[in-house]
Amino acid sequence: MKLGFYAVLGKRDYLKLNNKKVGIWELTEYQPTGWLCSLFIKPEVIPQNCPIIHDCGAFGYREQDYPTINSQYVDAQWAANRYRERSREGDTVVAPDNLLLENINWRRQYNLEQAQIFIRIAQEKLPDRKPLATIHGLSIQEKIEYGIKLYQLGYKRLGIGGLAQQASHYSTNLYIIKAIIQAIHSFDKTVHFHVFGLCSPQYAKAFFEMGISFDGSTHARETFSGNTLLFNDGENLLRYPVHQAPKCSCRVCAIASGTAKSAIAVSPAETQSEHGACALRSGGALPIALSGSSTSIAPRIARKHNINSQLIGNRTSSIIRLAHNLNSLLETYHHIKKPETLYLVAGCGKQSKQRTAAKEVYCSQHFQACRQYAEAQGKWYILSPLHKVLKPEQVISPYDKSPNSLSPKERQLWAQQVASHIMETTNPNVEIIFLTGKLYRQQVIPILQAHNYTTRTPMEGLGIGQQIKWLLNQLSTPKQLALKL
């Protein structure tokens, strides 16, 4: 089970564009480690090729002593059957449990019995899944003792639950979590721990340092319940009332501004408002200040910004806000982790006519915008169809070769050589960011990811003109000064 943040996935976390369901993860620049899916809902679209935790949905039936989902009793056998239908090889599956809120002794008995039965069923019928059981208790000592019982049953992955309702008690919660981990790691350091429902930047920083995984739905709660928009400010997360949010030029909003007409064109059923609204500036970035605005405020803001009123109140704009909030949260985590980065720029387009440094040979507006952005970030290389990987100062002559001129076999060999060079000069702790077109990255990324590298493609989904605009916005946008609300 991979360390890091697992974002909670909703039933309809996607946009429908050109009759295709586009998940919010296809819109965000940053990606979570994985996703958490609850048995309480059945997501219509699920991310591929990433870790998934399938949860029993205990928070949804927390008021029930005899837990049910859709009128069906939740026990180990029922959960295992649902997991068999929904999960994939390598996914984590959570044993049924219940929060210790009322009828404590009965719930304690239920939790232990279901954990005992579930691990047997999982070993027999879900051998390629990874069972996880959740630790509960009214005291630290009870939590530790119950965690040891679960370990003795055979669980090598343990969840820590029941703390989200007291999330504001940061020091207390962290003390409890550390005490549990220390006690069980004292006799087996290979046990993996996952914390349910705590994901603020303050908690995230501690969990990254502790080397554990965690999940949360802050991005959804702030979008649909809090009427709040999230913005990254280094290691902090800024919260704006919806009607006061500033203009945003993140990748999500850049994509949204480029697909405004598509957003208007979706069917009436698809655009029916569920949780609020936002809109797009005419020819500009997403004015997410409209998100969740009241019906009296929204039209006034729309007129001020020359916004097409058809966009106000539709489901599409709510999903854009959801993706924006998730991206802001993930960007904050990225700043907390502070990974070393390597930027890769495609050597393409118009070239000079003389032998010179590689960074000067390519002279198209797109390359030079990518170069300026990469130089502002730190270390960067150039990907060349002829030279594979170039250092910016490396002297080369102009040439006439592009990825389109390579055969499929040559392109695969080129990708392997590029990936090998990157792996020889870096390590998996270095995040690889591609400022390239699809042909420069589509066969390189899978090779790097197979060797545990994290990759990012911040301009994926943007046209050339949008990419240049995005790069220039990133270079010119001053850091916002705002109070953390």
Protein backbone atom coordinates (compact mmCIF):
# COMPACT_ATOMS: atom_id res chain seq x y z
CA MET A 1 0.00 0.00 0.00
CA LYS A 2 1.52 3.27 -1.12
CA LEU A 3 2.09 6.14 1.28
CA GLY A 4 0.39 9.49 0.80
CA PHE A 5 -3.05 11.02 0.30
CA TYR A 6 -6.10 9.12 -1.00
CA ALA A 7 -8.85 11.43 -2.24
CA VAL A 8 -12.44 10.38 -1.52
CA LEU A 9 -14.25 9.69 -4.79
CA GLY A 10 -17.87 10.70 -5.31
CA LYS A 11 -20.51 9.04 -7.47
CA ARG A 12 -20.35 11.53 -10.33
CA ASP A 13 -16.95 13.21 -10.11
CA TYR A 14 -16.67 13.78 -13.83
CA LEU A 15 -17.54 16.13 -16.67
CA LYS A 16 -19.44 14.83 -19.67
CA LEU A 17 -17.81 16.23 -22.78
CA ASN A 18 -18.45 14.93 -26.29
CA ASN A 19 -20.36 11.98 -24.78
CA LYS A 20 -17.30 10.98 -22.76
CA LYS A 21 -17.13 10.95 -18.97
CA VAL A 22 -13.95 12.84 -18.07
CA GLY A 23 -12.91 12.23 -14.44
CA ILE A 24 -11.74 15.19 -12.38
CA TRP A 25 -8.30 13.54 -12.16
CA GLU A 26 -7.93 14.20 -15.90
CA LEU A 27 -8.33 17.92 -15.22
CA THR A 28 -5.96 18.39 -12.27
CA GLU A 29 -2.26 19.12 -12.60
CA TYR A 30 -1.46 17.29 -9.36
CA GLN A 31 -2.58 13.76 -8.57
CA PRO A 32 -3.32 12.03 -5.24
CA THR A 33 -1.49 8.84 -4.34
CA GLY A 34 -4.79 7.02 -4.88
CA TRP A 35 -8.52 7.16 -4.25
CA LEU A 36 -10.97 5.95 -1.62
CA CYS A 37 -14.30 4.50 -2.77
CA SER A 38 -17.09 3.81 -0.27
CA LEU A 39 -19.59 0.97 -0.57
CA PHE A 40 -22.21 3.59 0.24
CA ILE A 41 -21.96 4.82 -3.34
CA LYS A 42 -20.90 3.32 -6.63
CA PRO A 43 -18.78 5.77 -8.63
CA GLU A 44 -19.73 5.91 -12.28
CA VAL A 45 -16.11 6.52 -13.29
CA ILE A 46 -13.04 5.17 -11.46
CA PRO A 47 -9.39 6.13 -12.11
CA GLN A 48 -7.24 3.48 -13.75
CA ASN A 49 -3.69 2.42 -12.92
CA CYS A 50 -3.61 3.87 -9.41
CA PRO A 51 -4.18 2.48 -5.89
CA ILE A 52 -7.77 2.28 -4.67
CA ILE A 53 -9.02 1.78 -1.11
CA HIS A 54 -12.50 0.26 -1.02
CA ASP A 55 -14.09 1.31 2.27
CA CYS A 56 -17.12 -0.29 3.97
CA GLY A 57 -18.84 3.09 4.41
CA ALA A 58 -19.00 3.09 8.23
CA PHE A 59 -19.46 6.84 8.49
CA GLY A 60 -22.64 6.59 6.43
CA TYR A 61 -24.32 4.11 8.80
CA ARG A 62 -22.79 5.41 12.03
CA GLU A 63 -26.23 5.97 13.60
CA GLN A 64 -27.25 2.32 13.08
CA ASP A 65 -26.37 -0.44 15.55
CA TYR A 66 -27.22 -2.98 12.84
CA PRO A 67 -25.57 -1.30 9.85
CA THR A 68 -27.29 -1.43 6.48
CA ILE A 69 -26.60 -0.06 3.01
CA ASN A 70 -29.56 0.01 0.62
CA SER A 71 -31.54 -2.06 3.17
CA GLN A 72 -28.91 -4.82 3.14
CA TYR A 73 -27.12 -5.81 6.34
CA VAL A 74 -23.43 -5.00 6.18
CA ASP A 75 -21.34 -7.95 7.30
CA ALA A 76 -18.09 -9.54 6.17
CA GLN A 77 -19.69 -11.77 3.54
CA TRP A 78 -21.79 -8.98 2.02
CA ALA A 79 -18.80 -6.61 1.91
CA ALA A 80 -16.55 -9.25 0.34
CA ASN A 81 -19.14 -9.86 -2.40
CA ARG A 82 -19.33 -6.14 -3.17
CA TYR A 83 -15.55 -5.84 -3.18
CA ARG A 84 -15.28 -8.76 -5.59
CA GLU A 85 -17.58 -6.88 -7.99
CA ARG A 86 -15.94 -3.46 -7.67
CA SER A 87 -12.25 -3.90 -6.83
CA ARG A 88 -9.23 -4.84 -8.90
CA GLU A 89 -6.10 -6.84 -8.25
CA GLY A 90 -3.87 -5.03 -5.75
CA ASP A 91 -6.65 -2.84 -4.30
CA THR A 92 -7.09 -2.47 -0.54
CA VAL A 93 -10.41 -3.70 0.93
CA VAL A 94 -11.61 -2.65 4.38
CA ALA A 95 -13.29 -5.01 6.85
CA PRO A 96 -16.78 -3.87 7.98
CA ASP A 97 -16.73 -1.86 11.19
CA ASN A 98 -18.87 0.62 13.11
CA LEU A 99 -18.03 3.77 15.04
CA LEU A 100 -18.23 3.51 18.83
CA LEU A 101 -20.98 6.08 19.34
CA GLU A 102 -23.81 4.22 21.10
CA ASN A 103 -24.35 0.67 22.42
CA ILE A 104 -20.61 0.50 22.73
CA ASN A 105 -20.26 -3.13 23.80
CA TRP A 106 -22.44 -4.38 20.95
CA ARG A 107 -20.43 -2.36 18.43
CA ARG A 108 -17.15 -3.61 19.89
CA GLN A 109 -18.37 -7.18 19.44
CA TYR A 110 -19.56 -6.47 15.90
CA ASN A 111 -16.20 -4.94 14.91
CA LEU A 112 -14.14 -7.85 16.21
CA GLU A 113 -16.41 -10.55 14.79
CA GLN A 114 -16.52 -8.97 11.34
CA ALA A 115 -12.73 -8.49 11.33
CA GLN A 116 -12.25 -12.17 12.22
CA ILE A 117 -14.60 -13.39 9.50
CA PHE A 118 -13.48 -10.90 6.85
CA ILE A 119 -9.81 -11.82 6.85
CA ARG A 120 -10.68 -15.48 6.33
CA ILE A 121 -13.00 -14.65 3.44
CA ALA A 122 -10.47 -12.24 1.94
CA GLN A 123 -7.71 -14.87 2.03
CA GLU A 124 -9.97 -17.43 0.37
CA LYS A 125 -12.01 -15.37 -2.11
CA LEU A 126 -10.01 -12.15 -2.56
CA PRO A 127 -6.40 -13.44 -2.50
CA ASP A 128 -5.10 -10.70 -4.78
CA ARG A 129 -6.64 -7.89 -2.66
CA LYS A 130 -5.11 -6.39 0.48
CA PRO A 131 -7.34 -6.58 3.59
CA LEU A 132 -7.30 -3.71 6.08
CA ALA A 133 -9.06 -3.51 9.45
CA THR A 134 -9.81 -0.33 11.38
CA ILE A 135 -8.75 0.34 14.96
CA HIS A 136 -11.39 1.73 17.31
CA GLY A 137 -11.48 2.36 21.07
CA LEU A 138 -12.55 4.86 23.70
CA SER A 139 -9.07 5.19 25.19
CA ILE A 140 -5.54 5.00 23.84
CA GLN A 141 -4.98 1.76 25.71
CA GLU A 142 -8.11 0.19 24.20
CA LYS A 143 -7.07 1.31 20.73
CA ILE A 144 -3.61 -0.20 21.13
CA GLU A 145 -4.95 -3.48 22.51
CA TYR A 146 -7.51 -3.74 19.70
CA GLY A 147 -4.83 -2.94 17.12
CA ILE A 148 -2.71 -5.79 18.46
CA LYS A 149 -5.71 -8.16 18.22
CA LEU A 150 -6.20 -7.20 14.59
CA TYR A 151 -2.52 -7.76 13.88
CA GLN A 152 -2.70 -11.18 15.52
CA LEU A 153 -5.64 -12.04 13.26
CA GLY A 154 -3.31 -11.51 10.32
CA TYR A 155 -3.87 -7.90 9.29
CA LYS A 156 -0.71 -6.19 8.05
CA ARG A 157 -2.61 -3.03 7.13
CA LEU A 158 -4.37 -1.17 9.92
CA GLY A 159 -6.63 1.84 9.71
CA ILE A 160 -7.05 4.38 12.48
CA GLY A 161 -10.62 5.70 12.57
CA GLY A 162 -12.97 7.64 14.79
CA LEU A 163 -10.78 10.77 14.96
CA ALA A 164 -12.32 12.91 12.22
CA GLN A 165 -15.11 14.14 14.50
CA GLN A 166 -12.48 15.72 16.76
CA ALA A 167 -10.28 16.95 13.91
CA SER A 168 -9.73 20.32 15.62
CA HIS A 169 -7.90 18.54 18.47
CA TYR A 170 -4.70 18.27 16.46
CA SER A 171 -2.21 17.58 19.26
CA THR A 172 -4.46 14.97 20.90
CA ASN A 173 -5.13 13.14 17.66
CA LEU A 174 -1.48 13.12 16.69
CA TYR A 175 -0.53 11.77 20.13
CA ILE A 176 -3.06 8.94 19.76
CA ILE A 177 -1.88 8.04 16.25
CA LYS A 178 1.79 8.03 17.23
CA ALA A 179 1.11 5.93 20.32
CA ILE A 180 -0.71 3.26 18.29
CA ILE A 181 1.96 3.13 15.60
CA GLN A 182 4.80 2.99 18.12
CA ALA A 183 3.16 0.15 20.06
CA ILE A 184 2.61 -2.08 17.04
CA HIS A 185 5.83 -1.19 15.28
CA SER A 186 7.68 -2.24 18.42
CA PHE A 187 7.22 -5.85 17.30
CA ASP A 188 6.61 -5.48 13.52
CA LYS A 189 7.77 -2.43 11.59
CA THR A 190 6.29 -3.73 8.32
CA VAL A 191 2.69 -2.99 9.38
CA HIS A 192 1.22 -0.17 7.30
CA PHE A 193 -1.05 2.45 8.89
CA HIS A 194 -3.77 4.50 7.27
CA VAL A 195 -5.66 7.37 8.96
CA PHE A 196 -9.28 7.91 7.94
CA GLY A 197 -10.76 11.37 7.51
CA LEU A 198 -7.92 13.72 8.53
CA CYS A 199 -6.32 15.62 5.66
CA SER A 200 -5.69 19.27 6.56
CA PRO A 201 -2.22 20.55 5.55
CA GLN A 202 -1.19 20.43 9.22
CA TYR A 203 -2.10 16.75 9.49
CA ALA A 204 -0.68 16.00 6.04
CA LYS A 205 2.72 17.37 7.01
CA ALA A 206 2.83 15.12 10.08
CA PHE A 207 1.65 12.06 8.14
CA PHE A 208 4.25 12.56 5.41
CA GLU A 209 6.94 12.70 8.09
CA MET A 210 5.53 9.56 9.76
CA GLY A 211 5.42 7.65 6.47
CA ILE A 212 1.72 6.69 6.58
CA SER A 213 -1.27 7.11 4.25
CA PHE A 214 -4.41 9.13 4.88
CA ASP A 215 -7.60 10.18 3.13
CA GLY A 216 -10.17 12.95 3.16
CA SER A 217 -12.88 14.80 1.31
CA THR A 218 -11.97 18.43 2.06
CA HIS A 219 -12.14 19.28 -1.65
CA ALA A 220 -15.72 18.02 -1.87
CA ARG A 221 -16.91 19.39 1.47
CA GLU A 222 -15.60 22.88 0.70
CA THR A 223 -17.16 22.75 -2.77
CA PHE A 224 -20.62 21.47 -1.97
CA SER A 225 -21.22 22.29 1.70
CA GLY A 226 -18.90 25.11 2.64
CA ASN A 227 -19.46 27.32 -0.43
CA THR A 228 -15.73 27.92 -0.22
CA LEU A 229 -12.96 28.00 -2.77
CA LEU A 230 -9.47 26.79 -1.98
CA PHE A 231 -6.23 28.39 -3.13
CA ASN A 232 -2.69 27.28 -2.48
CA ASP A 233 -0.28 29.56 -0.62
CA GLY A 234 2.90 27.54 -0.17
CA GLU A 235 2.31 25.06 2.65
CA ASN A 236 -0.97 26.76 3.55
CA LEU A 237 -4.45 26.45 2.10
CA LEU A 238 -6.40 29.68 1.68
CA ARG A 239 -10.19 29.62 1.91
CA TYR A 240 -12.24 32.30 0.18
CA PRO A 241 -15.96 32.97 0.44
CA VAL A 242 -17.27 32.15 -3.00
CA HIS A 243 -18.21 35.72 -3.92
CA GLN A 244 -14.73 37.03 -2.98
CA ALA A 245 -12.52 34.46 -4.73
CA PRO A 246 -9.83 35.90 -7.02
CA LYS A 247 -9.31 35.05 -10.67
CA CYS A 248 -7.48 31.74 -11.09
CA SER A 249 -5.12 30.49 -13.81
CA CYS A 250 -4.51 26.93 -12.60
CA ARG A 251 -4.63 24.11 -15.14
CA VAL A 252 -8.22 23.18 -14.22
CA CYS A 253 -9.45 26.70 -14.81
CA ALA A 254 -7.39 27.06 -18.00
CA ILE A 255 -9.01 23.92 -19.40
CA ALA A 256 -12.42 25.14 -18.26
CA SER A 257 -12.03 28.48 -20.01
CA GLY A 258 -11.11 26.66 -23.21
CA THR A 259 -14.20 24.44 -23.05
CA ALA A 260 -16.80 27.04 -22.11
CA LYS A 261 -18.83 26.42 -25.24
CA SER A 262 -18.84 22.68 -24.53
CA ALA A 263 -20.05 23.38 -21.03
CA ILE A 264 -22.97 25.36 -22.36
CA ALA A 265 -23.83 22.67 -24.89
CA VAL A 266 -24.37 19.79 -22.47
CA SER A 267 -27.86 18.42 -22.00
CA PRO A 268 -30.37 20.01 -19.58
CA ALA A 269 -30.30 16.92 -17.37
CA GLU A 270 -26.52 17.10 -17.19
CA THR A 271 -26.45 20.80 -16.36
CA GLN A 272 -29.01 20.73 -13.57
CA SER A 273 -27.47 22.35 -10.49
CA GLU A 274 -26.61 20.04 -7.60
CA HIS A 275 -24.43 22.04 -5.26
CA GLY A 276 -24.02 25.62 -6.47
CA ALA A 277 -22.51 27.38 -9.47
CA CYS A 278 -19.55 28.98 -11.14
CA ALA A 279 -18.91 30.44 -14.57
CA LEU A 280 -16.23 31.28 -17.09
CA ARG A 281 -14.87 34.67 -18.00
CA SER A 282 -15.40 35.48 -21.63
CA GLY A 283 -12.10 34.55 -23.22
CA GLY A 284 -10.38 34.38 -19.84
CA ALA A 285 -9.81 32.19 -16.82
CA LEU A 286 -12.43 30.71 -14.56
CA PRO A 287 -14.15 33.31 -12.33
CA ILE A 288 -14.82 30.79 -9.62
CA ALA A 289 -16.05 33.55 -7.34
CA LEU A 290 -19.45 32.78 -8.83
CA SER A 291 -19.36 29.28 -7.37
CA GLY A 292 -22.22 28.87 -4.98
CA SER A 293 -23.29 32.50 -5.25
CA SER A 294 -26.88 33.15 -4.35
CA THR A 295 -29.34 33.66 -7.18
CA SER A 296 -29.44 37.38 -6.42
CA ILE A 297 -25.66 37.84 -6.30
CA ALA A 298 -24.67 35.61 -9.23
CA PRO A 299 -26.37 37.55 -12.07
CA ARG A 300 -24.87 40.80 -10.78
CA ILE A 301 -21.36 39.31 -10.83
CA ALA A 302 -22.05 37.76 -14.22
CA ARG A 303 -22.95 41.14 -15.72
CA LYS A 304 -19.84 42.70 -14.20
CA HIS A 305 -17.56 40.14 -15.84
CA ASN A 306 -19.47 39.76 -19.12
CA ILE A 307 -20.24 36.12 -18.35
CA ASN A 308 -22.72 34.03 -20.28
CA SER A 309 -25.55 33.50 -17.79
CA GLN A 310 -26.22 30.00 -19.18
CA LEU A 311 -23.19 28.78 -17.24
CA ILE A 312 -24.53 29.87 -13.88
CA GLY A 313 -26.00 27.09 -11.77
CA ASN A 314 -25.09 24.10 -13.94
CA ARG A 315 -23.56 20.82 -12.83
CA THR A 316 -20.58 21.21 -15.14
CA SER A 317 -19.38 24.32 -13.34
CA SER A 318 -19.82 22.63 -9.95
CA ILE A 319 -17.52 19.81 -11.07
CA ILE A 320 -14.99 22.36 -12.32
CA ARG A 321 -15.00 23.90 -8.84
CA LEU A 322 -14.56 20.44 -7.33
CA ALA A 323 -11.54 19.76 -9.54
CA HIS A 324 -10.11 23.21 -8.77
CA ASN A 325 -10.41 22.65 -5.01
CA LEU A 326 -8.82 19.21 -5.26
CA ASN A 327 -5.96 20.61 -7.33
CA SER A 328 -5.35 23.39 -4.78
CA LEU A 329 -5.28 20.84 -1.94
CA LEU A 330 -2.84 18.60 -3.83
CA GLU A 331 -0.63 21.55 -4.73
CA THR A 332 -0.42 22.40 -1.03
CA TYR A 333 0.65 18.83 -0.24
CA HIS A 334 3.24 19.13 -3.01
CA HIS A 335 4.76 22.19 -1.33
CA ILE A 336 4.76 20.38 2.02
CA LYS A 337 6.67 17.41 0.59
CA LYS A 338 9.10 19.69 -1.32
CA PRO A 339 10.20 17.06 -3.83
CA GLU A 340 13.23 17.67 -6.01
CA THR A 341 12.07 18.27 -9.57
CA LEU A 342 13.32 17.86 -13.12
CA TYR A 343 11.53 19.65 -15.96
CA LEU A 344 11.58 18.19 -19.47
CA VAL A 345 10.97 20.53 -22.41
CA ALA A 346 10.30 19.33 -25.96
CA GLY A 347 12.90 20.43 -28.49
CA CYS A 348 10.51 21.23 -31.29
CA GLY A 349 9.42 23.90 -33.71
CA LYS A 350 11.46 26.52 -35.51
CA GLN A 351 15.28 26.26 -35.16
CA SER A 352 18.13 28.72 -35.59
CA LYS A 353 20.49 28.27 -38.54
CA GLN A 354 23.73 28.09 -36.58
CA ARG A 355 25.45 25.74 -34.17
CA THR A 356 24.86 26.94 -30.61
CA ALA A 357 23.62 25.92 -27.15
CA ALA A 358 20.54 23.70 -27.35
CA LYS A 359 18.43 26.22 -25.45
CA GLU A 360 19.13 28.74 -28.24
CA VAL A 361 18.73 26.36 -31.19
CA TYR A 362 14.98 26.03 -30.63
CA CYS A 363 13.48 29.46 -31.12
CA SER A 364 9.72 28.98 -31.39
CA GLN A 365 7.51 31.02 -29.08
CA HIS A 366 6.26 27.82 -27.44
CA PHE A 367 9.73 26.47 -26.70
CA GLN A 368 10.99 29.79 -25.36
CA ALA A 369 7.95 30.11 -23.08
CA CYS A 370 8.57 26.57 -21.77
CA ARG A 371 12.26 27.41 -21.33
CA GLN A 372 11.54 30.54 -19.30
CA TYR A 373 9.13 28.66 -17.07
CA ALA A 374 11.51 25.71 -16.57
CA GLU A 375 14.45 27.98 -15.81
CA ALA A 376 12.37 29.74 -13.17
CA GLN A 377 11.62 26.39 -11.50
CA GLY A 378 15.10 24.84 -11.38
CA LYS A 379 16.78 21.95 -13.19
CA TRP A 380 15.64 21.16 -16.70
CA TYR A 381 16.54 19.12 -19.77
CA ILE A 382 15.50 19.19 -23.42
CA LEU A 383 14.03 16.14 -25.14
CA SER A 384 15.25 15.78 -28.73
CA PRO A 385 14.13 13.25 -31.36
CA LEU A 386 17.76 13.11 -32.53
CA HIS A 387 19.82 13.56 -29.35
CA LYS A 388 17.36 11.98 -26.83
CA VAL A 389 18.17 14.10 -23.74
CA LEU A 390 20.08 17.37 -23.90
CA LYS A 391 21.39 19.69 -21.24
CA PRO A 392 20.37 23.29 -22.05
CA GLU A 393 23.98 24.43 -22.48
CA GLN A 394 24.99 21.49 -24.67
CA VAL A 395 26.10 22.76 -28.09
CA ILE A 396 24.35 21.19 -31.10
CA SER A 397 23.72 21.93 -34.75
CA PRO A 398 20.27 22.46 -36.25
CA TYR A 399 18.64 19.27 -37.54
CA ASP A 400 15.54 18.07 -39.32
CA LYS A 401 13.90 15.33 -37.27
CA SER A 402 10.67 15.09 -35.29
CA PRO A 403 8.81 12.38 -33.36
CA ASN A 404 6.48 12.07 -36.36
CA SER A 405 9.40 10.96 -38.50
CA LEU A 406 10.10 7.97 -36.21
CA SER A 407 8.53 4.58 -36.81
CA PRO A 408 6.61 2.99 -33.90
CA LYS A 409 9.60 0.74 -33.16
CA GLU A 410 12.03 3.69 -33.29
CA ARG A 411 9.75 5.73 -31.04
CA GLN A 412 9.64 2.96 -28.44
CA LEU A 413 13.44 2.63 -28.53
CA TRP A 414 13.75 6.41 -28.22
CA ALA A 415 11.43 6.40 -25.18
CA GLN A 416 13.44 3.64 -23.52
CA GLN A 417 16.69 5.54 -24.10
CA VAL A 418 15.20 8.75 -22.70
CA ALA A 419 13.83 6.99 -19.62
CA SER A 420 17.13 5.16 -19.06
CA HIS A 421 19.05 8.45 -19.19
CA ILE A 422 16.68 10.04 -16.67
CA MET A 423 16.91 7.05 -14.32
CA GLU A 424 20.72 7.02 -14.57
CA THR A 425 20.98 10.69 -13.62
CA THR A 426 18.19 10.92 -11.01
CA ASN A 427 16.36 8.73 -8.47
CA PRO A 428 12.66 8.01 -7.82
CA ASN A 429 12.51 10.80 -5.23
CA VAL A 430 12.82 13.30 -8.09
CA GLU A 431 9.51 14.35 -9.61
CA ILE A 432 9.60 14.49 -13.43
CA ILE A 433 7.51 17.27 -14.99
CA PHE A 434 6.80 17.13 -18.72
CA LEU A 435 6.37 20.40 -20.65
CA THR A 436 5.98 18.46 -23.87
CA GLY A 437 3.52 17.22 -26.44
CA LYS A 438 2.00 13.75 -26.30
CA LEU A 439 4.55 12.06 -28.60
CA TYR A 440 7.42 13.16 -26.37
CA ARG A 441 5.95 11.65 -23.22
CA GLN A 442 3.32 8.96 -23.86
CA GLN A 443 5.83 6.07 -23.96
CA VAL A 444 8.33 7.58 -21.50
CA ILE A 445 5.93 8.10 -18.59
CA PRO A 446 4.87 4.43 -18.19
CA ILE A 447 8.52 3.35 -18.03
CA LEU A 448 9.31 5.91 -15.32
CA GLN A 449 6.19 5.11 -13.33
CA ALA A 450 7.03 1.40 -13.48
CA HIS A 451 10.26 2.33 -11.66
CA ASN A 452 8.35 4.27 -8.95
CA TYR A 453 8.90 7.75 -10.39
CA THR A 454 6.23 10.42 -9.93
CA THR A 455 5.43 12.30 -13.13
CA ARG A 456 3.35 15.39 -13.80
CA THR A 457 2.05 16.98 -17.00
CA PRO A 458 0.76 20.44 -16.03
CA MET A 459 -0.36 21.47 -19.52
CA GLU A 460 -2.06 18.25 -20.59
CA GLY A 461 -5.36 18.97 -22.31
CA LEU A 462 -4.41 22.51 -23.37
CA GLY A 463 -3.92 23.61 -26.99
CA ILE A 464 -0.66 25.30 -28.05
CA GLY A 465 -2.10 28.79 -27.63
CA GLN A 466 -3.56 27.88 -24.23
CA GLN A 467 -0.22 26.40 -23.17
CA ILE A 468 1.66 29.60 -24.02
CA LYS A 469 -0.93 31.65 -22.19
CA TRP A 470 -0.75 29.33 -19.16
CA LEU A 471 3.07 29.54 -19.08
CA LEU A 472 3.05 33.33 -19.31
CA ASN A 473 0.39 33.53 -16.58
CA GLN A 474 2.52 31.36 -14.29
CA LEU A 475 5.53 33.59 -14.91
CA SER A 476 3.68 36.87 -14.42
CA THR A 477 1.18 36.07 -11.65
CA PRO A 478 2.35 37.58 -8.34
CA LYS A 479 1.91 35.51 -5.18
CA GLN A 480 -1.44 36.35 -3.63
CA LEU A 481 -1.47 37.89 -0.22
CA ALA A 482 -4.47 36.85 1.81
CA LEU A 483 -5.54 35.85 5.25
CA LYS A 484 -6.15 32.20 5.98
CA LEU A 485 -9.86 32.09 6.68
